[in-house]
Amino acid sequence: MISKYFNPYTDFGFKKLFGEEASKDLLIDFLNQLLPPQHQIAQLSFKNPENFADTSKERKAIFDVYCESQTGERFIVEMQKAKVQFFKDRSLFYSTFPIREQGEKGAWDFHLLPVYFIAILNFKYDEKEDEKKFRRDVCLKDQDGDVFYDKLHFKFLQMPLFNKQENELETHFDKWIYFLKHLEDFDHIPTILNEPVFQKGFEIAELAHLSSEQYDAYLKSVLEHNEAKAALDTAFVDGKKEGKIEAMQSAARILKTQGIANSIIALSTGLTEQEIQNLN
């Protein structure tokens, strides 16, 4: 069966839905469901998603969506399709770029504006059953559980753990997660999502509304998504038989033969682009 709407887990779909000027109001509405009252967003401006390091020897970061509110808060919004090594480390590493870019030359009092790292995950990163949470909000706290620093926040959404059905949706946030998780499976707009913000989302996501160039780009994005997932699934199975690094290298070789860009392979496997380039 051919889908009516695109897959939002693909690079094309996610950026079309949340990363363009025409769909900025969707991103604002979604983010405001995750943010506290004091950081609700009225306006956003997109920033360069490629954040370069200070020196050529340092690794750069490539974000899915990177934006700044009218009052200066920075937001990194990532759609992570497949499980990767050191995911939490990678999240922390990415969060350092919007912190460092706030540094000012000359006399500066080190005043920083809040940074939010928001990850929509199409996998479960919690290994222990009793620790699995669909939504995890993280900030710096002291030994008594009191907030020590209120300007660096991580919000992780483990999409496979969201199992609410249409009749169980209670909040606007629930509706957003239901929309994202099932978008590709819908053949019409469900009554519970028949609201202006979701109507616009469905209109953007309808494949019939894409130009031929956009449709080709989407198909390429789907192919890369499926190939990356298949290679990584194989690698994780192989990883039980051999070392994890060797398994990731095996996955990277498969993806290279499919013509997938080294930058995408790096994000999927945790290897550096140089390590990928050196693989035979």
Protein backbone atom coordinates (compact mmCIF):
# COMPACT_ATOMS: atom_id res chain seq x y z
CA MET A 1 0.00 0.00 0.00
CA ILE A 2 1.36 3.41 -0.99
CA SER A 3 1.39 5.92 1.87
CA LYS A 4 -0.49 9.17 1.52
CA TYR A 5 1.87 11.03 3.85
CA PHE A 6 5.67 11.00 4.16
CA ASN A 7 7.66 9.35 6.91
CA PRO A 8 8.70 12.04 9.45
CA TYR A 9 11.60 9.87 10.64
CA THR A 10 13.44 10.47 7.36
CA ASP A 11 15.80 13.43 7.08
CA PHE A 12 13.64 14.93 4.33
CA GLY A 13 10.36 14.45 6.19
CA PHE A 14 11.60 15.80 9.52
CA LYS A 15 13.17 18.92 8.03
CA LYS A 16 10.16 19.54 5.77
CA LEU A 17 7.86 19.35 8.78
CA PHE A 18 9.94 21.30 11.28
CA GLY A 19 12.94 22.90 9.56
CA GLU A 20 11.52 25.35 7.00
CA GLU A 21 10.24 28.90 7.30
CA ALA A 22 6.82 27.85 5.99
CA SER A 23 6.39 25.31 8.80
CA LYS A 24 7.95 27.34 11.62
CA ASP A 25 4.61 27.66 13.41
CA LEU A 26 4.46 23.86 13.69
CA LEU A 27 7.87 23.77 15.34
CA ILE A 28 6.89 26.54 17.77
CA ASP A 29 3.67 24.75 18.72
CA PHE A 30 5.51 21.45 19.25
CA LEU A 31 8.32 22.97 21.31
CA ASN A 32 5.92 24.88 23.54
CA GLN A 33 4.46 21.55 24.66
CA LEU A 34 7.88 20.63 26.04
CA LEU A 35 8.95 23.95 27.53
CA PRO A 36 8.18 25.48 30.94
CA PRO A 37 5.95 28.59 31.13
CA GLN A 38 8.90 31.00 31.43
CA HIS A 39 10.43 29.76 28.16
CA GLN A 40 7.35 29.62 25.92
CA ILE A 41 8.23 30.70 22.37
CA ALA A 42 6.52 33.45 20.41
CA GLN A 43 9.00 33.73 17.52
CA LEU A 44 11.89 31.63 16.22
CA SER A 45 14.75 32.16 13.81
CA PHE A 46 16.64 29.29 12.22
CA LYS A 47 20.40 29.14 12.67
CA ASN A 48 23.04 27.40 10.59
CA PRO A 49 22.56 23.64 11.22
CA GLU A 50 26.28 23.09 10.58
CA ASN A 51 28.11 24.27 13.65
CA PHE A 52 31.82 24.35 12.97
CA ALA A 53 34.52 23.76 15.57
CA ASP A 54 37.09 26.39 16.49
CA THR A 55 39.99 24.55 14.85
CA SER A 56 40.29 22.21 11.88
CA LYS A 57 41.24 19.35 14.22
CA GLU A 58 38.03 19.57 16.23
CA ARG A 59 34.90 17.80 15.13
CA LYS A 60 31.97 19.83 13.82
CA ALA A 61 28.32 19.21 14.65
CA ILE A 62 25.51 18.89 12.11
CA PHE A 63 22.08 19.41 13.64
CA ASP A 64 18.70 18.45 12.17
CA VAL A 65 17.10 21.71 13.32
CA TYR A 66 18.88 24.49 15.17
CA CYS A 67 16.98 27.63 16.11
CA GLU A 68 16.87 30.57 18.50
CA SER A 69 13.91 32.25 20.17
CA GLN A 70 13.25 35.97 20.15
CA THR A 71 14.57 36.14 23.72
CA GLY A 72 17.77 34.23 22.96
CA GLU A 73 17.12 30.64 24.04
CA ARG A 74 18.80 28.09 21.75
CA PHE A 75 17.11 24.87 20.65
CA ILE A 76 18.63 21.81 19.01
CA VAL A 77 15.93 19.43 17.76
CA GLU A 78 17.12 16.02 16.59
CA MET A 79 15.31 13.09 15.02
CA GLN A 80 17.43 10.02 15.75
CA LYS A 81 16.35 7.09 13.61
CA ALA A 82 18.59 4.28 14.86
CA LYS A 83 20.41 3.40 18.04
CA VAL A 84 24.01 4.63 18.11
CA GLN A 85 26.94 4.16 20.42
CA PHE A 86 27.45 6.75 23.15
CA PHE A 87 24.16 8.49 22.41
CA LYS A 88 24.11 10.42 25.70
CA ASP A 89 27.73 11.51 25.18
CA ARG A 90 26.85 12.71 21.67
CA SER A 91 23.90 14.70 23.03
CA LEU A 92 26.11 16.41 25.60
CA PHE A 93 28.76 17.12 22.95
CA TYR A 94 26.19 18.73 20.64
CA SER A 95 24.86 20.91 23.46
CA THR A 96 28.28 22.51 23.93
CA PHE A 97 28.15 24.28 20.55
CA PRO A 98 25.26 26.67 21.34
CA ILE A 99 26.88 27.30 24.72
CA ARG A 100 30.27 28.18 23.29
CA GLU A 101 28.86 30.37 20.53
CA GLN A 102 27.46 32.70 23.20
CA GLY A 103 30.98 33.60 24.31
CA GLU A 104 31.87 37.21 23.56
CA LYS A 105 35.26 38.60 22.72
CA GLY A 106 36.80 41.02 25.15
CA ALA A 107 35.26 41.76 28.53
CA TRP A 108 32.42 39.32 29.15
CA ASP A 109 30.67 38.36 32.39
CA PHE A 110 29.89 34.75 31.27
CA HIS A 111 26.15 35.32 31.30
CA LEU A 112 24.49 32.54 29.27
CA LEU A 113 20.99 32.11 27.88
CA PRO A 114 19.21 28.72 28.15
CA VAL A 115 20.03 25.84 25.81
CA TYR A 116 17.61 22.99 25.10
CA PHE A 117 18.57 19.73 23.41
CA ILE A 118 15.45 17.88 22.27
CA ALA A 119 15.74 14.38 20.80
CA ILE A 120 12.92 12.41 19.19
CA LEU A 121 14.17 8.83 19.21
CA ASN A 122 12.89 5.99 17.07
CA PHE A 123 14.53 3.50 19.44
CA LYS A 124 14.80 2.70 23.14
CA TYR A 125 18.08 3.73 24.73
CA ASP A 126 17.16 2.57 28.27
CA GLU A 127 18.46 -0.96 28.73
CA LYS A 128 16.84 -1.84 32.08
CA GLU A 129 13.12 -2.52 31.95
CA ASP A 130 12.36 -0.62 35.19
CA GLU A 131 14.16 2.50 33.88
CA LYS A 132 12.25 2.82 30.62
CA LYS A 133 10.44 6.14 30.31
CA PHE A 134 8.80 7.53 27.19
CA ARG A 135 9.75 11.08 28.14
CA ARG A 136 12.82 12.02 30.14
CA ASP A 137 13.51 15.66 31.14
CA VAL A 138 17.07 16.15 32.36
CA CYS A 139 18.83 19.09 33.98
CA LEU A 140 21.71 19.58 36.42
CA LYS A 141 20.76 18.77 40.02
CA ASP A 142 22.67 18.43 43.27
CA GLN A 143 22.86 15.47 45.65
CA ASP A 144 19.48 16.37 47.18
CA GLY A 145 17.68 16.53 43.84
CA ASP A 146 17.50 20.33 43.83
CA VAL A 147 18.10 22.10 40.52
CA PHE A 148 21.67 23.44 40.47
CA TYR A 149 21.63 25.00 37.00
CA ASP A 150 18.47 25.87 35.08
CA LYS A 151 19.91 26.84 31.70
CA LEU A 152 20.88 23.48 30.20
CA HIS A 153 18.08 21.02 29.51
CA PHE A 154 17.82 17.70 27.71
CA LYS A 155 14.48 16.26 26.66
CA PHE A 156 14.43 12.73 25.27
CA LEU A 157 11.34 11.15 23.73
CA GLN A 158 11.59 7.37 23.21
CA MET A 159 8.88 6.99 20.59
CA PRO A 160 8.56 3.16 20.77
CA LEU A 161 7.46 3.57 24.40
CA PHE A 162 4.47 5.77 23.48
CA ASN A 163 1.57 3.35 23.11
CA LYS A 164 -1.52 5.50 23.61
CA GLN A 165 -4.38 4.89 21.21
CA GLU A 166 -6.55 7.62 19.69
CA ASN A 167 -9.20 7.38 22.42
CA GLU A 168 -6.51 7.68 25.12
CA LEU A 169 -5.02 11.00 23.97
CA GLU A 170 -5.48 13.55 26.75
CA THR A 171 -3.25 16.54 25.98
CA HIS A 172 -2.08 18.56 23.00
CA PHE A 173 1.35 17.03 23.56
CA ASP A 174 -0.17 13.52 23.32
CA LYS A 175 -1.69 14.52 19.99
CA TRP A 176 1.67 15.70 18.67
CA ILE A 177 3.38 12.43 19.55
CA TYR A 178 0.52 10.42 18.09
CA PHE A 179 0.71 12.52 14.91
CA LEU A 180 4.48 11.99 14.51
CA LYS A 181 4.42 8.30 15.36
CA HIS A 182 1.58 7.37 13.00
CA LEU A 183 1.77 10.02 10.27
CA GLU A 184 2.95 7.66 7.53
CA ASP A 185 0.14 5.20 8.36
CA PHE A 186 -2.78 7.63 8.12
CA ASP A 187 -4.99 7.68 5.03
CA HIS A 188 -7.12 10.55 6.34
CA ILE A 189 -7.05 13.11 9.15
CA PRO A 190 -8.41 11.53 12.36
CA THR A 191 -11.15 13.53 14.06
CA ILE A 192 -9.04 14.08 17.17
CA LEU A 193 -6.30 15.71 15.04
CA ASN A 194 -8.70 17.88 13.07
CA GLU A 195 -7.19 21.12 14.39
CA PRO A 196 -5.48 23.93 12.39
CA VAL A 197 -1.92 23.07 13.43
CA PHE A 198 -2.29 19.39 12.51
CA GLN A 199 -4.28 20.17 9.37
CA LYS A 200 -1.28 22.17 8.20
CA GLY A 201 1.04 19.32 9.17
CA PHE A 202 -0.98 16.86 7.10
CA GLU A 203 -1.00 19.27 4.17
CA ILE A 204 2.80 19.64 4.27
CA ALA A 205 3.27 15.87 4.64
CA GLU A 206 0.98 14.86 1.77
CA LEU A 207 3.15 13.29 -0.91
CA ALA A 208 0.86 14.54 -3.68
CA HIS A 209 1.80 18.11 -2.74
CA LEU A 210 5.53 17.57 -3.29
CA SER A 211 7.20 18.69 -6.50
CA SER A 212 8.91 16.01 -8.60
CA GLU A 213 12.31 17.17 -7.28
CA GLN A 214 11.07 17.03 -3.68
CA TYR A 215 9.55 13.60 -4.22
CA ASP A 216 12.85 12.29 -5.62
CA ALA A 217 14.67 13.74 -2.60
CA TYR A 218 12.16 12.07 -0.29
CA LEU A 219 12.58 8.67 -1.96
CA LYS A 220 16.35 8.98 -1.61
CA SER A 221 15.90 9.87 2.06
CA VAL A 222 13.65 6.81 2.57
CA LEU A 223 16.23 4.58 0.89
CA GLU A 224 19.01 5.91 3.10
CA HIS A 225 16.80 5.50 6.18
CA ASN A 226 15.96 1.87 5.34
CA GLU A 227 19.51 0.93 4.36
CA ALA A 228 20.98 2.51 7.48
CA LYS A 229 18.48 0.71 9.69
CA ALA A 230 19.07 -2.65 7.99
CA ALA A 231 22.84 -2.30 8.22
CA LEU A 232 22.71 -1.26 11.87
CA ASP A 233 20.29 -4.07 12.77
CA THR A 234 22.76 -6.49 11.21
CA ALA A 235 25.66 -4.85 13.00
CA PHE A 236 24.03 -5.12 16.41
CA VAL A 237 23.34 -8.81 15.81
CA ASP A 238 26.94 -9.30 14.71
CA GLY A 239 28.05 -7.30 17.72
CA LYS A 240 27.01 -10.19 19.95
CA LYS A 241 29.55 -12.35 18.14
CA GLU A 242 32.35 -9.82 17.71
CA GLY A 243 33.52 -6.52 19.21
CA LYS A 244 31.21 -3.50 18.96
CA ILE A 245 33.76 -1.44 17.02
CA GLU A 246 34.17 -4.21 14.44
CA ALA A 247 30.38 -4.43 14.14
CA MET A 248 30.05 -0.68 13.54
CA GLN A 249 32.85 -0.84 10.98
CA SER A 250 30.99 -3.65 9.24
CA ALA A 251 27.83 -1.53 9.15
CA ALA A 252 29.78 1.45 7.83
CA ARG A 253 31.23 -0.63 4.99
CA ILE A 254 27.73 -1.75 3.97
CA LEU A 255 26.46 1.84 3.98
CA LYS A 256 29.49 3.03 1.97
CA THR A 257 28.75 0.50 -0.76
CA GLN A 258 25.23 1.97 -0.96
CA GLY A 259 26.68 5.43 -1.64
CA ILE A 260 25.50 6.94 1.66
CA ALA A 261 27.37 10.10 2.70
CA ASN A 262 30.10 9.68 5.32
CA SER A 263 28.46 12.34 7.52
CA ILE A 264 25.25 10.27 7.72
CA ILE A 265 27.22 7.06 8.36
CA ALA A 266 29.09 8.83 11.16
CA LEU A 267 25.85 9.84 12.87
CA SER A 268 24.48 6.30 12.55
CA THR A 269 27.54 4.37 13.74
CA GLY A 270 29.41 6.69 16.09
CA LEU A 271 32.56 6.40 13.97
CA THR A 272 34.35 9.54 12.84
CA GLU A 273 34.25 10.55 9.18
CA GLN A 274 38.01 9.98 8.98
CA GLU A 275 37.63 6.43 10.34
CA ILE A 276 34.89 5.79 7.78
CA GLN A 277 37.03 7.19 4.96
CA ASN A 278 39.90 4.86 5.96
CA LEU A 279 37.76 1.72 5.84
CA ASN A 280 38.56 -0.71 3.03
